[in-house]
Protein backbone atom coordinates (compact mmCIF):
# COMPACT_ATOMS: atom_id res chain seq x y z
CA UNK A 1 9.44 -5.92 -4.77
CA UNK A 2 7.17 -6.18 -1.58
CA UNK A 3 4.03 -3.94 -1.21
CA UNK A 4 2.43 -2.96 1.99
CA UNK A 5 -1.30 -2.26 1.15
CA UNK A 6 -3.62 -0.07 2.95
CA UNK A 7 -7.37 0.31 2.26
CA UNK A 8 -9.51 3.18 2.27
CA UNK A 9 -13.11 3.19 1.90
CA UNK A 10 -14.08 5.97 -0.69
CA UNK A 11 -17.99 5.52 -0.94
CA UNK A 12 -20.91 3.27 0.37
CA UNK A 13 -24.26 2.55 -1.17
CA UNK A 14 -27.16 1.32 1.01
CA UNK A 15 -30.65 -0.27 0.92
CA UNK A 16 -33.30 -1.86 2.95
CA UNK A 17 -32.72 -5.82 2.56
CA UNK A 18 -34.72 -8.80 3.96
CA UNK A 19 -32.53 -11.27 5.15
CA UNK A 20 -33.16 -15.11 5.10
CA UNK A 21 -35.27 -15.01 8.56
CA UNK A 22 -37.82 -12.44 6.94
CA UNK A 23 -36.49 -9.59 8.99
CA UNK A 24 -35.93 -6.19 7.12
CA UNK A 25 -32.36 -4.70 7.82
CA UNK A 26 -32.45 -1.18 7.26
CA UNK A 27 -29.47 0.77 5.53
CA UNK A 28 -27.62 -2.39 4.53
CA UNK A 29 -24.57 -1.82 2.95
CA UNK A 30 -24.95 -3.25 -0.77
CA UNK A 31 -22.15 -1.76 -2.48
CA UNK A 32 -18.62 -0.55 -1.52
CA UNK A 33 -15.97 1.59 -3.33
CA UNK A 34 -12.47 1.54 -2.18
CA UNK A 35 -8.86 2.38 -2.91
CA UNK A 36 -5.85 -0.17 -2.16
CA UNK A 37 -2.86 2.09 -1.54
CA UNK A 38 0.30 0.16 -1.77
CA UNK A 39 3.87 1.41 -0.87
CA UNK A 40 6.93 -0.48 -1.99
CA UNK A 41 10.10 -0.69 0.37
CA UNK A 42 11.51 2.40 -1.32
CA UNK A 43 8.44 4.66 -0.47
CA UNK A 44 6.98 4.74 -3.84
CA UNK A 45 3.18 4.76 -3.85
CA UNK A 46 0.61 3.46 -6.25
CA UNK A 47 -3.28 2.88 -6.02
CA UNK A 48 -5.78 0.67 -7.22
CA UNK A 49 -9.63 1.63 -7.17
CA UNK A 50 -12.11 -1.20 -6.43
CA UNK A 51 -15.85 -1.84 -6.13
CA UNK A 52 -17.28 -4.66 -4.24
CA UNK A 53 -20.89 -5.37 -3.79
CA UNK A 54 -22.32 -6.97 -0.42
CA UNK A 55 -25.81 -8.49 0.38
CA UNK A 56 -27.21 -8.83 3.97
CA UNK A 57 -29.78 -11.38 2.84
CA UNK A 58 -27.61 -14.23 4.80
CA UNK A 59 -26.78 -12.08 7.53
CA UNK A 60 -28.91 -13.02 10.80
CA UNK A 61 -30.72 -9.95 12.55
CA UNK A 62 -28.76 -10.84 15.75
CA UNK A 63 -25.28 -10.13 13.99
CA UNK A 64 -26.16 -7.18 11.72
CA UNK A 65 -24.50 -4.11 12.80
CA UNK A 66 -26.60 -0.79 12.28
CA UNK A 67 -25.27 1.62 9.81
CA UNK A 68 -24.65 4.44 12.09
CA UNK A 69 -22.41 1.97 14.17
CA UNK A 70 -20.18 1.02 11.28
CA UNK A 71 -16.60 2.04 11.46
CA UNK A 72 -14.25 2.18 8.66
CA UNK A 73 -12.50 -0.77 10.05
CA UNK A 74 -15.54 -3.06 9.76
CA UNK A 75 -16.13 -2.41 5.97
CA UNK A 76 -12.31 -2.59 5.45
CA UNK A 77 -12.51 -6.13 7.12
CA UNK A 78 -15.41 -6.97 4.71
CA UNK A 79 -13.49 -5.66 1.58
CA UNK A 80 -10.29 -7.44 2.69
CA UNK A 81 -12.13 -10.76 3.16
CA UNK A 82 -13.30 -10.73 -0.40
CA UNK A 83 -10.03 -9.39 -1.81
CA UNK A 84 -7.47 -11.37 0.08
CA UNK A 85 -9.68 -14.35 0.16
CA UNK A 86 -9.26 -14.78 -3.46
CA UNK A 87 -5.70 -15.20 -4.31
CA UNK A 88 -6.14 -14.33 -8.12
CA UNK A 89 -8.03 -11.07 -7.09
CA UNK A 90 -5.30 -10.24 -4.47
CA UNK A 91 -2.76 -10.75 -7.21
CA UNK A 92 -4.50 -8.47 -9.54
CA UNK A 93 -4.80 -5.72 -7.12
CA UNK A 94 -1.30 -6.09 -6.01
CA UNK A 95 -0.09 -6.13 -9.94
CA UNK A 96 -2.29 -2.89 -10.73
CA UNK A 97 -0.54 -1.23 -7.87
CA UNK A 98 2.84 -2.16 -8.73
CA UNK A 99 2.19 -1.27 -12.62
CA UNK A 100 1.38 2.36 -11.23
CA UNK A 101 4.40 2.43 -9.08
CA UNK A 102 6.51 1.13 -11.96
CA UNK A 103 4.92 3.87 -14.22
CA UNK A 104 5.74 6.56 -11.85
CA UNK A 105 9.49 5.71 -11.33
CA UNK A 106 10.35 4.76 -15.01
CA UNK A 107 11.50 7.67 -17.02
CA UNK A 108 12.01 8.25 -20.60
CA UNK A 109 15.88 8.36 -21.30
CA UNK A 110 17.74 9.76 -24.26
CA UNK A 111 19.36 7.17 -26.26
CA UNK A 112 23.05 7.43 -25.75
CA UNK A 113 23.75 7.22 -29.72
CA UNK A 114 21.10 9.82 -30.42
CA UNK A 115 22.55 12.53 -33.22
CA UNK A 116 19.97 14.97 -32.12
CA UNK A 117 22.19 16.04 -29.06
CA UNK A 118 24.35 18.76 -29.48
CA UNK A 119 27.68 17.79 -27.76
CA UNK A 120 29.08 19.95 -25.11
CA UNK A 121 31.49 22.42 -26.28
CA UNK A 122 35.28 22.15 -24.74
CA UNK A 123 35.88 24.71 -21.92
CA UNK A 124 37.88 26.77 -24.15
CA UNK A 125 35.63 26.87 -27.23
CA UNK A 126 33.75 30.02 -28.02
CA UNK A 127 29.93 29.17 -28.59
CA UNK A 128 28.98 30.38 -32.01
CA UNK A 129 25.24 30.93 -31.15
CA UNK A 130 26.49 33.35 -28.36
CA UNK A 131 27.99 35.88 -30.77
């Protein structure tokens, strides 16, 4: 089954970090927490929660985006770069989402040979328990 995956950022941690130029980058994102929400072609949904660390040590000051200016799309792009940039990690996330979907759509069934089930009475029979 093909999954459509959507990412949502659930939490961030920041710290001041000195980059390789010796510039202190204030409130640099150092940890992200996120969910990958997968939907299959039948509309069944599963989730995977992940955490991805980041470092601003190699981010040039000129390309550093101030924390107050960040959009969720910016952070999702970073996360997707890590997750989807590693085929094994991407496969792991998708497998976990699929496992959750499978658990939701799989139900326990009575065994057709079970003797614990009382067979239905014929329509013209009298139910002894009703007397």
